[in-house]
Amino acid sequence: MLPPKNPTEKTVRLWPIVLILLLTILTIIWVWLFDNLDRQNQNLRIVSVLGISFLLILVWLLFFSRLRRKTRILSLGAILSVLLLSIFMFRIKGFTGDLLPILEWSWTKRAGDSLTQTDTSSERIHKSFRPSPNNYPRFLGPNRNAVLSGMELADDWSEHPPKLMWRQPIGAGWSAFAIVGSFAVTQEQRGKQEMVVCYDLRSGQMKWSHSDNARYEKIPGGIGPRATPTIFANHVYALGATGILNCLDLSTGERLWSKNIVSDNNSEVNEWGISCSPLVLDNMVVVSVGGRSEKSLVAYHKETGETIWHAGSDRAGYSSPTITNFADVPQILIFNQGYIVSHNPLNGKIFWRQSWPKETQYVAQPLPLPENQLFVSTGYGIGCKLFQIHQDRNSEQFHVSLVWENRHLKAKFTNVVQYEGYIYGLDDGILVCLDLTNGQRKWKRGRYGHGQIILVNNLLLIQAESGEIVLVSASPNAHKELSRFEALNGRTWNNPALSGSYLLVRNDQEAACYLLAMKE
């Protein structure tokens, strides 16, 4: 026979925790399906909801559960022990493009810290480079628009698999490779040294390296330099994350001149690090500085480093200057904080200035198009716009008008390409095709994350955020994935570089070179 219950003993009160869990689930469903937020802010809001729910469960445990005091104390101790142990064992390595944290063991060496300047065997070469029509000498390739023509890749990698030439550790950073001949140059962080490193394209052997005593590190932006070097003639122009602009000899890595663009122009380092890839034009190297008092965009003499002109007063964004023509007038375009700006290459004078929503980061390159049009896109829920650039025949003043706008393509820190009247880009990590005439979405398929794209003839070569390389047909009719292979492991934000049949890829931990088959 069971003993009678103590009438003073209270049962455990479970309905509050059931209510908390139910409300948590319903809130997450509402945020994910019905809240009009971009993917990153959805994730941040869900994390906030989970955090509030955890605190409410603790309040329930301590004050409203009716558990015995000893049970409550032991439960609280267990929860705190797990939290402290997790803090001791893990740290946040960084974040994905959707702002989800990436954890690693707390005793793991940080990216770039496991390498030193002499970890890779070096073969210093004192002969001049050999130019090639297949060079990929700057950010986004020969024309700075991630478009390559005159070559046809084999699109069936099961029949013609990419051949691994080399794969090895590399210093941290989000810089891509610039390639001329056998010289492949990138920037990386190794310990306290910010480095410009030149590798042999086919073997991966280090040819030379240049180092500066500088280090950028910030969560969630990560460690190391962001910008891609520019190779012009026998010179390398590289801009580090803290503002060190170097001009180096391509053959030897010898420093020819150096400037600190931040201290020289009374500017400051961006929140996510300086990310501008230098533009070499005529006798100038042009960089986005973000200094006030007419020092937003600065042109240095490419041979001496002396200032040629400076103009504008906008804070710098995270895009790079590019040269284009509107109404047959050469113009330098730059995406600053809150404005797309056009400068006269001769003296820096501003031709026109178009505002852009300020509640975002300015990363993706504005894309000049035929018929004096300009496509611009940013992430964080903003979307894209197509502008028409006009020039007044009487005053020669430029005017900008809006053709259409929508939220079908939100390019966070990827770049978009145009092919036969259609725009292709990653909309919050999913590939999308837009009709250029009206902005209508033709299709949206394929979650490749916040990766990068090169248009090779009629093929989209996509470096997925996961490290995979994917081939997709550039067709408005449907999303058609042709081939894929795993090129790297882990989060990959760096742009790929394609020099002829050599595909060079990297992230903040490793680099690799693959030989891609061509159509016969």
Protein backbone atom coordinates (compact mmCIF):
# COMPACT_ATOMS: atom_id res chain seq x y z
CA MET A 1 0.00 0.00 0.00
CA LEU A 2 1.41 3.44 -1.06
CA PRO A 3 1.95 6.01 1.68
CA PRO A 4 -0.46 8.98 1.59
CA LYS A 5 0.75 12.17 -0.08
CA ASN A 6 1.83 15.02 2.10
CA PRO A 7 -0.93 17.64 1.63
CA THR A 8 1.61 20.43 2.05
CA GLU A 9 3.88 19.08 -0.75
CA LYS A 10 3.34 21.06 -4.01
CA THR A 11 3.58 19.52 -7.45
CA VAL A 12 6.07 20.83 -10.00
CA ARG A 13 4.60 23.72 -12.00
CA LEU A 14 5.23 22.80 -15.65
CA TRP A 15 2.82 25.01 -17.57
CA PRO A 16 5.15 28.09 -17.62
CA ILE A 17 7.98 26.19 -19.32
CA VAL A 18 5.56 24.63 -21.79
CA LEU A 19 4.26 28.13 -22.58
CA ILE A 20 7.80 29.49 -22.96
CA LEU A 21 8.77 26.70 -25.38
CA LEU A 22 5.55 27.07 -27.38
CA LEU A 23 5.97 30.84 -27.71
CA THR A 24 9.61 30.37 -28.69
CA ILE A 25 8.70 27.96 -31.49
CA LEU A 26 5.88 30.18 -32.77
CA THR A 27 8.11 33.28 -32.69
CA ILE A 28 10.88 31.54 -34.64
CA ILE A 29 8.35 30.36 -37.25
CA TRP A 30 6.96 33.89 -37.56
CA VAL A 31 10.43 35.44 -37.90
CA TRP A 32 11.50 32.86 -40.50
CA LEU A 33 8.35 32.84 -42.62
CA PHE A 34 6.54 36.15 -42.18
CA ASP A 35 8.91 38.80 -40.83
CA ASN A 36 10.11 41.00 -43.70
CA LEU A 37 13.80 40.82 -42.80
CA ASP A 38 16.93 39.83 -44.68
CA ARG A 39 18.44 36.47 -43.80
CA GLN A 40 21.19 37.92 -41.59
CA ASN A 41 18.77 39.92 -39.43
CA GLN A 42 16.44 36.92 -39.27
CA ASN A 43 19.28 34.89 -37.78
CA LEU A 44 20.16 37.66 -35.32
CA ARG A 45 16.53 37.94 -34.23
CA ILE A 46 16.24 34.17 -33.77
CA VAL A 47 19.41 34.17 -31.64
CA SER A 48 17.86 36.95 -29.53
CA VAL A 49 14.64 34.94 -29.13
CA LEU A 50 16.58 31.87 -28.00
CA GLY A 51 18.58 33.97 -25.54
CA ILE A 52 15.43 35.49 -24.00
CA SER A 53 13.83 32.03 -23.81
CA PHE A 54 16.88 30.67 -21.99
CA LEU A 55 16.70 33.48 -19.43
CA LEU A 56 12.97 32.91 -18.91
CA ILE A 57 13.61 29.19 -18.33
CA LEU A 58 16.21 30.11 -15.69
CA VAL A 59 13.68 32.41 -13.98
CA TRP A 60 11.12 29.59 -14.05
CA LEU A 61 13.64 27.15 -12.60
CA LEU A 62 14.65 29.42 -9.73
CA PHE A 63 11.34 31.06 -8.76
CA PHE A 64 8.29 29.40 -10.30
CA SER A 65 9.09 25.70 -10.80
CA ARG A 66 8.20 24.56 -7.25
CA LEU A 67 11.17 22.22 -7.37
CA ARG A 68 12.97 21.52 -4.11
CA ARG A 69 15.56 24.09 -3.22
CA LYS A 70 18.37 21.54 -3.44
CA THR A 71 17.19 20.47 -6.91
CA ARG A 72 17.06 24.08 -8.11
CA ILE A 73 20.57 24.84 -6.81
CA LEU A 74 22.02 21.67 -8.32
CA SER A 75 20.28 22.35 -11.68
CA LEU A 76 21.57 25.94 -11.75
CA GLY A 77 25.06 24.72 -10.89
CA ALA A 78 24.96 22.17 -13.70
CA ILE A 79 23.81 24.80 -16.24
CA LEU A 80 26.49 27.27 -15.18
CA SER A 81 29.14 24.54 -15.26
CA VAL A 82 28.21 23.62 -18.83
CA LEU A 83 28.31 27.30 -19.85
CA LEU A 84 31.70 27.89 -18.23
CA LEU A 85 33.11 24.69 -19.71
CA SER A 86 31.87 25.71 -23.16
CA ILE A 87 33.45 29.14 -22.80
CA PHE A 88 36.72 27.50 -21.76
CA MET A 89 36.70 24.86 -24.53
CA PHE A 90 35.37 26.86 -27.48
CA ARG A 91 35.77 30.27 -29.03
CA ILE A 92 34.14 32.01 -31.96
CA LYS A 93 36.40 31.66 -34.98
CA GLY A 94 34.23 33.91 -37.09
CA PHE A 95 30.82 34.08 -38.70
CA THR A 96 29.28 32.79 -41.87
CA GLY A 97 27.90 35.22 -44.43
CA ASP A 98 24.52 34.76 -42.74
CA LEU A 99 26.04 35.81 -39.38
CA LEU A 100 25.94 32.35 -37.82
CA PRO A 101 28.92 31.79 -35.48
CA ILE A 102 31.67 29.33 -36.41
CA LEU A 103 33.16 27.65 -33.33
CA GLU A 104 36.62 26.17 -32.88
CA TRP A 105 38.55 24.68 -29.96
CA SER A 106 39.98 27.43 -27.79
CA TRP A 107 43.48 25.97 -27.98
CA THR A 108 43.52 25.92 -31.79
CA LYS A 109 46.01 28.36 -33.28
CA ARG A 110 44.28 31.25 -34.98
CA ALA A 111 44.33 31.45 -38.75
CA GLY A 112 47.68 32.67 -39.97
CA ASP A 113 49.38 32.29 -36.60
CA SER A 114 50.58 28.78 -37.42
CA LEU A 115 52.56 30.05 -40.41
CA THR A 116 55.67 32.18 -40.39
CA GLN A 117 57.41 34.08 -43.13
CA THR A 118 59.75 31.14 -43.81
CA ASP A 119 57.27 28.24 -43.60
CA THR A 120 57.08 27.89 -47.38
CA SER A 121 60.25 27.22 -49.33
CA SER A 122 61.25 30.29 -51.30
CA GLU A 123 62.82 30.62 -54.70
CA ARG A 124 63.64 34.26 -55.28
CA ILE A 125 63.56 34.88 -59.02
CA HIS A 126 65.40 37.82 -60.55
CA LYS A 127 64.18 37.49 -64.11
CA SER A 128 61.34 39.49 -65.58
CA PHE A 129 57.89 37.98 -65.93
CA ARG A 130 56.38 36.76 -69.18
CA PRO A 131 53.01 38.34 -69.97
CA SER A 132 50.22 36.10 -71.24
CA PRO A 133 46.83 36.76 -72.84
CA ASN A 134 45.42 34.60 -70.04
CA ASN A 135 46.61 36.89 -67.25
CA TYR A 136 44.23 37.64 -64.35
CA PRO A 137 46.20 40.64 -63.11
CA ARG A 138 43.77 42.41 -60.82
CA PHE A 139 40.59 42.22 -58.74
CA LEU A 140 37.82 40.53 -60.79
CA GLY A 141 40.11 39.89 -63.72
CA PRO A 142 41.44 41.74 -66.76
CA ASN A 143 38.46 44.10 -67.11
CA ARG A 144 37.63 44.29 -63.40
CA ASN A 145 34.15 42.86 -64.02
CA ALA A 146 34.55 39.09 -63.39
CA VAL A 147 33.99 38.32 -67.09
CA LEU A 148 36.30 36.18 -69.25
CA SER A 149 35.81 35.50 -72.94
CA GLY A 150 37.70 33.67 -75.66
CA MET A 151 37.94 30.39 -73.72
CA GLU A 152 35.57 27.43 -73.40
CA LEU A 153 35.62 25.26 -70.31
CA ALA A 154 34.62 21.61 -70.48
CA ASP A 155 31.38 21.55 -68.51
CA ASP A 156 31.29 17.85 -67.53
CA TRP A 157 33.69 17.42 -64.63
CA SER A 158 32.72 13.77 -64.15
CA GLU A 159 34.20 13.05 -67.58
CA HIS A 160 37.01 15.64 -67.32
CA PRO A 161 37.70 16.08 -63.58
CA PRO A 162 39.77 19.09 -62.48
CA LYS A 163 43.37 18.11 -61.81
CA LEU A 164 44.88 19.22 -58.51
CA MET A 165 48.23 20.94 -59.13
CA TRP A 166 48.92 21.87 -55.51
CA ARG A 167 47.14 22.56 -52.23
CA GLN A 168 48.77 23.99 -49.11
CA PRO A 169 48.21 26.12 -45.98
CA ILE A 170 48.17 29.89 -46.38
CA GLY A 171 48.08 32.89 -44.07
CA ALA A 172 44.74 34.39 -43.03
CA GLY A 173 42.93 37.01 -45.06
CA TRP A 174 40.23 37.55 -47.68
CA SER A 175 42.50 38.73 -50.48
CA ALA A 176 42.31 36.95 -53.85
CA PHE A 177 45.12 36.17 -56.28
CA ALA A 178 46.38 38.39 -59.08
CA ILE A 179 48.13 36.38 -61.81
CA VAL A 180 50.61 37.37 -64.51
CA GLY A 181 52.52 34.59 -66.24
CA SER A 182 53.67 32.20 -63.52
CA PHE A 183 53.48 34.90 -60.82
CA ALA A 184 50.47 34.54 -58.48
CA VAL A 185 50.34 37.30 -55.84
CA THR A 186 48.06 37.59 -52.82
CA GLN A 187 48.01 39.12 -49.33
CA GLU A 188 47.90 37.20 -46.09
CA GLN A 189 48.42 37.52 -42.33
CA ARG A 190 51.14 35.46 -40.68
CA GLY A 191 51.33 36.18 -36.97
CA LYS A 192 52.03 39.88 -36.50
CA GLN A 193 53.13 40.34 -40.10
CA GLU A 194 50.83 41.49 -42.88
CA MET A 195 52.39 40.06 -46.03
CA VAL A 196 52.31 40.30 -49.80
CA VAL A 197 53.32 36.87 -51.08
CA CYS A 198 54.14 35.71 -54.59
CA TYR A 199 53.74 32.02 -55.48
CA ASP A 200 54.58 30.05 -58.57
CA LEU A 201 51.25 29.41 -60.28
CA ARG A 202 51.96 25.81 -61.28
CA SER A 203 53.88 24.53 -58.25
CA GLY A 204 52.71 26.66 -55.32
CA GLN A 205 56.31 27.37 -54.36
CA MET A 206 56.90 30.80 -52.84
CA LYS A 207 58.89 33.08 -55.12
CA TRP A 208 59.16 35.99 -52.67
CA SER A 209 57.38 37.73 -49.80
CA HIS A 210 57.18 41.24 -48.38
CA SER A 211 56.06 41.89 -44.81
CA ASP A 212 54.85 44.86 -42.76
CA ASN A 213 54.44 44.99 -39.01
CA ALA A 214 50.64 45.30 -39.08
CA ARG A 215 47.68 43.13 -38.15
CA TYR A 216 43.94 43.57 -38.54
CA GLU A 217 41.75 41.33 -36.40
CA LYS A 218 38.12 41.77 -35.47
CA ILE A 219 35.14 39.54 -34.85
CA PRO A 220 33.15 38.85 -36.96
CA GLY A 221 35.25 40.23 -39.82
CA GLY A 222 38.15 37.87 -39.21
CA ILE A 223 41.90 38.29 -39.50
CA GLY A 224 44.13 39.75 -42.16
CA PRO A 225 44.08 41.80 -45.36
CA ARG A 226 41.01 42.02 -47.56
CA ALA A 227 42.10 43.63 -50.83
CA THR A 228 43.44 41.89 -53.93
CA PRO A 229 46.80 43.15 -55.29
CA THR A 230 47.03 44.74 -58.73
CA ILE A 231 49.84 43.76 -61.10
CA PHE A 232 50.78 46.33 -63.71
CA ALA A 233 53.92 46.12 -65.88
CA ASN A 234 56.60 44.86 -63.49
CA HIS A 235 55.00 46.30 -60.37
CA VAL A 236 52.64 44.97 -57.68
CA TYR A 237 50.33 47.43 -55.89
CA ALA A 238 48.88 46.04 -52.66
CA LEU A 239 46.75 47.77 -50.01
CA GLY A 240 46.62 46.22 -46.54
CA ALA A 241 43.71 46.14 -44.10
CA THR A 242 45.18 48.91 -41.93
CA GLY A 243 46.01 51.26 -44.82
CA ILE A 244 49.56 50.39 -45.93
CA LEU A 245 49.84 50.84 -49.71
CA ASN A 246 52.93 49.13 -51.15
CA CYS A 247 54.46 49.28 -54.60
CA LEU A 248 56.69 46.22 -55.07
CA ASP A 249 58.86 44.85 -57.83
CA LEU A 250 57.06 41.85 -59.34
CA SER A 251 60.26 39.92 -60.03
CA THR A 252 61.85 40.24 -56.59
CA GLY A 253 59.29 41.64 -54.12
CA GLU A 254 61.57 44.60 -53.40
CA ARG A 255 59.64 47.60 -52.06
CA LEU A 256 59.80 50.58 -54.40
CA TRP A 257 57.63 52.92 -52.33
CA SER A 258 55.04 52.77 -49.58
CA LYS A 259 52.32 55.03 -48.19
CA ASN A 260 50.00 54.86 -45.21
CA ILE A 261 46.80 56.15 -46.80
CA VAL A 262 45.07 56.52 -43.41
CA SER A 263 47.61 58.81 -41.74
CA ASP A 264 48.40 60.64 -45.00
CA ASN A 265 44.78 61.63 -45.55
CA ASN A 266 43.44 62.05 -42.02
CA SER A 267 41.17 59.04 -42.48
CA GLU A 268 40.44 55.99 -40.37
CA VAL A 269 40.27 52.22 -40.80
CA ASN A 270 36.80 50.94 -41.66
CA GLU A 271 34.91 48.80 -39.19
CA TRP A 272 35.62 45.67 -41.29
CA GLY A 273 39.09 46.71 -42.44
CA ILE A 274 40.21 48.54 -45.56
CA SER A 275 39.11 46.48 -48.56
CA CYS A 276 39.96 48.56 -51.63
CA SER A 277 41.87 46.87 -54.45
CA PRO A 278 44.05 49.51 -56.15
CA LEU A 279 43.12 50.75 -59.63
CA VAL A 280 46.10 51.46 -61.91
CA LEU A 281 45.23 53.95 -64.63
CA ASP A 282 47.68 55.77 -66.89
CA ASN A 283 50.35 57.11 -64.51
CA MET A 284 48.19 56.75 -61.40
CA VAL A 285 47.23 54.22 -58.76
CA VAL A 286 43.82 55.16 -57.37
CA VAL A 287 42.50 54.06 -53.96
CA SER A 288 39.41 54.70 -51.86
CA VAL A 289 40.62 56.42 -48.69
CA GLY A 290 37.50 57.91 -47.12
CA GLY A 291 39.22 61.02 -45.80
CA ARG A 292 37.26 64.21 -45.36
CA SER A 293 38.23 67.58 -46.84
CA GLU A 294 38.43 66.38 -50.45
CA LYS A 295 40.40 63.22 -49.63
CA SER A 296 37.81 60.51 -50.19
CA LEU A 297 39.39 59.21 -53.41
CA VAL A 298 43.14 59.67 -53.90
CA ALA A 299 45.40 59.17 -56.93
CA TYR A 300 49.11 58.51 -56.30
CA HIS A 301 51.82 58.50 -58.94
CA LYS A 302 52.40 54.86 -59.76
CA GLU A 303 56.21 55.26 -59.99
CA THR A 304 56.90 57.53 -57.00
CA GLY A 305 53.91 57.44 -54.67
CA GLU A 306 53.48 61.22 -54.81
CA THR A 307 49.90 62.49 -54.64
CA ILE A 308 48.52 63.56 -58.02
CA TRP A 309 45.00 64.54 -56.96
CA HIS A 310 42.42 63.93 -54.25
CA ALA A 311 38.70 64.62 -54.24
CA GLY A 312 35.39 64.00 -52.46
CA SER A 313 34.54 63.91 -48.78
CA ASP A 314 32.53 60.69 -48.37
CA ARG A 315 33.57 57.97 -45.96
CA ALA A 316 34.92 54.90 -47.76
CA GLY A 317 32.85 51.80 -48.30
CA TYR A 318 34.28 48.35 -49.04
CA SER A 319 34.27 48.39 -52.83
CA SER A 320 37.10 49.22 -55.22
CA PRO A 321 37.38 51.97 -57.86
CA THR A 322 36.79 50.97 -61.46
CA ILE A 323 37.12 52.78 -64.78
CA THR A 324 34.25 52.97 -67.27
CA ASN A 325 32.62 55.26 -69.85
CA PHE A 326 29.27 57.01 -69.69
CA ALA A 327 28.22 59.12 -72.68
CA ASP A 328 31.69 58.39 -74.11
CA VAL A 329 33.31 60.16 -71.14
CA PRO A 330 35.86 58.16 -69.06
CA GLN A 331 34.86 58.01 -65.40
CA ILE A 332 36.11 56.39 -62.20
CA LEU A 333 33.28 54.80 -60.21
CA ILE A 334 33.46 54.20 -56.46
CA PHE A 335 30.83 52.99 -53.99
CA ASN A 336 31.23 55.09 -50.83
CA GLN A 337 29.18 55.06 -47.65
CA GLY A 338 25.77 56.24 -48.79
CA TYR A 339 26.73 57.27 -52.34
CA ILE A 340 27.81 55.93 -55.72
CA VAL A 341 30.24 58.56 -57.03
CA SER A 342 31.74 59.24 -60.46
CA HIS A 343 35.08 61.07 -60.72
CA ASN A 344 36.98 62.63 -63.59
CA PRO A 345 40.17 60.53 -64.01
CA LEU A 346 42.19 63.61 -64.99
CA ASN A 347 41.71 65.62 -61.80
CA GLY A 348 39.31 63.74 -59.52
CA LYS A 349 36.50 66.23 -60.03
CA ILE A 350 33.09 64.70 -59.25
CA PHE A 351 30.91 64.22 -62.34
CA TRP A 352 27.85 62.96 -60.44
CA ARG A 353 26.85 61.51 -57.08
CA GLN A 354 23.91 59.16 -56.49
CA SER A 355 22.61 58.46 -52.99
CA TRP A 356 22.10 54.93 -51.67
CA PRO A 357 20.36 53.70 -48.49
CA LYS A 358 22.71 54.19 -45.54
CA GLU A 359 21.54 51.21 -43.45
CA THR A 360 23.85 48.74 -45.19
CA GLN A 361 27.47 47.91 -46.01
CA TYR A 362 28.77 49.04 -49.41
CA VAL A 363 30.68 46.08 -50.79
CA ALA A 364 29.46 44.76 -54.15
CA GLN A 365 30.88 46.52 -57.19
CA PRO A 366 28.53 48.79 -59.18
CA LEU A 367 28.20 47.16 -62.62
CA PRO A 368 28.42 49.48 -65.68
CA LEU A 369 26.21 48.27 -68.53
CA PRO A 370 25.63 49.12 -72.20
CA GLU A 371 23.42 52.07 -73.11
CA ASN A 372 24.84 54.21 -70.26
CA GLN A 373 23.18 52.14 -67.54
CA LEU A 374 24.47 51.15 -64.09
CA PHE A 375 23.35 48.24 -61.93
CA VAL A 376 23.86 48.50 -58.17
CA SER A 377 23.01 46.03 -55.41
CA THR A 378 23.63 45.61 -51.68
CA GLY A 379 22.55 43.12 -49.02
CA TYR A 380 20.89 43.44 -45.63
CA GLY A 381 17.43 43.70 -47.19
CA ILE A 382 18.16 46.65 -49.50
CA GLY A 383 18.06 45.02 -52.96
CA CYS A 384 19.04 46.38 -56.37
CA LYS A 385 18.49 49.34 -58.70
CA LEU A 386 19.12 50.07 -62.34
CA PHE A 387 20.15 53.65 -63.13
CA GLN A 388 20.31 55.56 -66.40
CA ILE A 389 23.18 58.02 -66.75
CA HIS A 390 22.44 61.12 -68.88
CA GLN A 391 24.63 63.99 -69.99
CA ASP A 392 23.15 67.42 -70.69
CA ARG A 393 24.40 68.44 -74.13
CA ASN A 394 24.37 72.13 -73.26
CA SER A 395 25.98 72.19 -69.82
CA GLU A 396 27.78 68.83 -70.08
CA GLN A 397 26.44 68.06 -66.60
CA PHE A 398 25.53 64.45 -65.77
CA HIS A 399 22.18 63.35 -64.36
CA VAL A 400 21.13 60.02 -62.89
CA SER A 401 17.59 58.63 -63.17
CA LEU A 402 16.08 55.44 -61.77
CA VAL A 403 14.90 52.85 -64.31
CA TRP A 404 13.65 50.22 -61.85
CA GLU A 405 14.30 48.85 -58.36
CA ASN A 406 13.36 45.75 -56.38
CA ARG A 407 14.56 43.36 -53.69
CA HIS A 408 15.07 40.36 -56.00
CA LEU A 409 18.87 40.55 -55.81
CA LYS A 410 20.59 41.48 -52.55
CA ALA A 411 24.33 41.07 -53.16
CA LYS A 412 25.98 41.17 -49.75
CA PHE A 413 29.67 40.94 -50.56
CA THR A 414 29.61 39.09 -53.81
CA ASN A 415 29.62 40.59 -57.30
CA VAL A 416 27.16 40.19 -60.13
CA VAL A 417 27.67 39.60 -63.86
CA GLN A 418 25.65 40.40 -66.97
CA TYR A 419 25.20 38.10 -69.95
CA GLU A 420 22.99 38.73 -72.98
CA GLY A 421 20.60 41.06 -71.20
CA TYR A 422 20.31 39.18 -67.92
CA ILE A 423 21.90 39.75 -64.51
CA TYR A 424 23.20 36.79 -62.47
CA GLY A 425 24.12 37.07 -58.82
CA LEU A 426 23.75 35.59 -55.34
CA ASP A 427 20.67 36.91 -53.57
CA ASP A 428 21.44 36.36 -49.89
CA GLY A 429 23.31 33.23 -50.94
CA ILE A 430 20.87 31.88 -53.56
CA LEU A 431 21.63 32.24 -57.28
CA VAL A 432 19.15 34.42 -59.13
CA CYS A 433 18.61 35.53 -62.73
CA LEU A 434 17.01 38.94 -63.45
CA ASP A 435 15.76 40.40 -66.72
CA LEU A 436 17.77 43.59 -67.20
CA THR A 437 14.97 45.41 -69.00
CA ASN A 438 12.48 45.37 -66.14
CA GLY A 439 14.10 43.64 -63.15
CA GLN A 440 11.75 40.66 -63.39
CA ARG A 441 13.08 37.54 -61.73
CA LYS A 442 13.42 34.65 -64.16
CA TRP A 443 14.44 32.07 -61.60
CA LYS A 444 15.99 31.66 -58.16
CA ARG A 445 17.65 28.34 -57.37
CA GLY A 446 20.83 26.91 -55.88
CA ARG A 447 21.98 27.86 -52.38
CA TYR A 448 25.71 28.54 -52.77
CA GLY A 449 26.07 30.84 -49.78
CA HIS A 450 27.91 34.14 -49.89
CA GLY A 451 30.39 33.08 -52.54
CA GLN A 452 31.81 34.62 -55.71
CA ILE A 453 31.17 34.39 -59.48
CA ILE A 454 33.19 34.50 -62.70
CA LEU A 455 31.40 34.48 -66.06
CA VAL A 456 33.40 32.33 -68.51
CA ASN A 457 31.72 32.70 -71.90
CA ASN A 458 28.23 31.31 -71.19
CA LEU A 459 29.12 29.54 -67.94
CA LEU A 460 28.91 30.78 -64.37
CA LEU A 461 31.90 29.54 -62.38
CA ILE A 462 30.80 29.90 -58.76
CA GLN A 463 33.05 29.70 -55.72
CA ALA A 464 30.54 28.62 -53.07
CA GLU A 465 30.92 29.78 -49.48
CA SER A 466 31.38 26.11 -48.52
CA GLY A 467 34.57 25.91 -50.62
CA GLU A 468 33.03 24.01 -53.55
CA ILE A 469 33.40 25.14 -57.16
CA VAL A 470 30.19 24.91 -59.20
CA LEU A 471 29.46 25.35 -62.91
CA VAL A 472 26.02 26.71 -63.83
CA SER A 473 24.68 27.51 -67.28
CA ALA A 474 24.12 31.26 -67.81
CA SER A 475 20.61 30.88 -69.20
CA PRO A 476 17.40 32.73 -68.29
CA ASN A 477 15.28 29.66 -69.06
CA ALA A 478 16.11 27.68 -65.94
CA HIS A 479 18.73 27.05 -63.29
CA LYS A 480 20.93 24.26 -64.64
CA GLU A 481 23.86 23.10 -62.54
CA LEU A 482 26.37 21.27 -64.72
CA SER A 483 29.22 20.16 -62.44
CA ARG A 484 30.77 20.70 -59.03
CA PHE A 485 33.75 19.63 -56.97
CA GLU A 486 35.15 20.37 -53.51
CA ALA A 487 38.08 22.73 -54.02
CA LEU A 488 38.61 23.92 -50.41
CA ASN A 489 37.41 23.14 -46.91
CA GLY A 490 35.54 25.66 -44.79
CA ARG A 491 34.23 29.18 -45.15
CA THR A 492 35.43 30.71 -48.41
CA TRP A 493 34.77 34.38 -49.20
CA ASN A 494 37.78 35.03 -51.43
CA ASN A 495 37.31 35.57 -55.15
CA PRO A 496 38.67 32.81 -57.41
CA ALA A 497 41.13 33.65 -60.19
CA LEU A 498 41.20 31.90 -63.57
CA SER A 499 44.32 32.18 -65.71
CA GLY A 500 43.75 30.15 -68.86
CA SER A 501 43.00 26.64 -67.63
CA TYR A 502 44.53 27.29 -64.16
CA LEU A 503 41.98 27.94 -61.42
CA LEU A 504 43.51 29.45 -58.28
CA VAL A 505 41.37 29.48 -55.13
CA ARG A 506 41.95 30.29 -51.48
CA ASN A 507 40.29 31.14 -48.19
CA ASP A 508 41.70 32.19 -44.82
CA GLN A 509 43.40 28.81 -44.23
CA GLU A 510 44.49 27.20 -47.49
CA ALA A 511 45.10 27.79 -51.19
CA ALA A 512 44.92 25.43 -54.15
CA CYS A 513 45.46 25.37 -57.89
CA TYR A 514 43.42 23.18 -60.24
CA LEU A 515 43.86 22.54 -63.95
CA LEU A 516 40.48 22.70 -65.68
CA ALA A 517 39.82 20.89 -68.94
CA MET A 518 38.93 22.93 -72.01
CA LYS A 519 36.48 22.00 -74.75
CA GLU A 520 38.20 20.38 -77.68
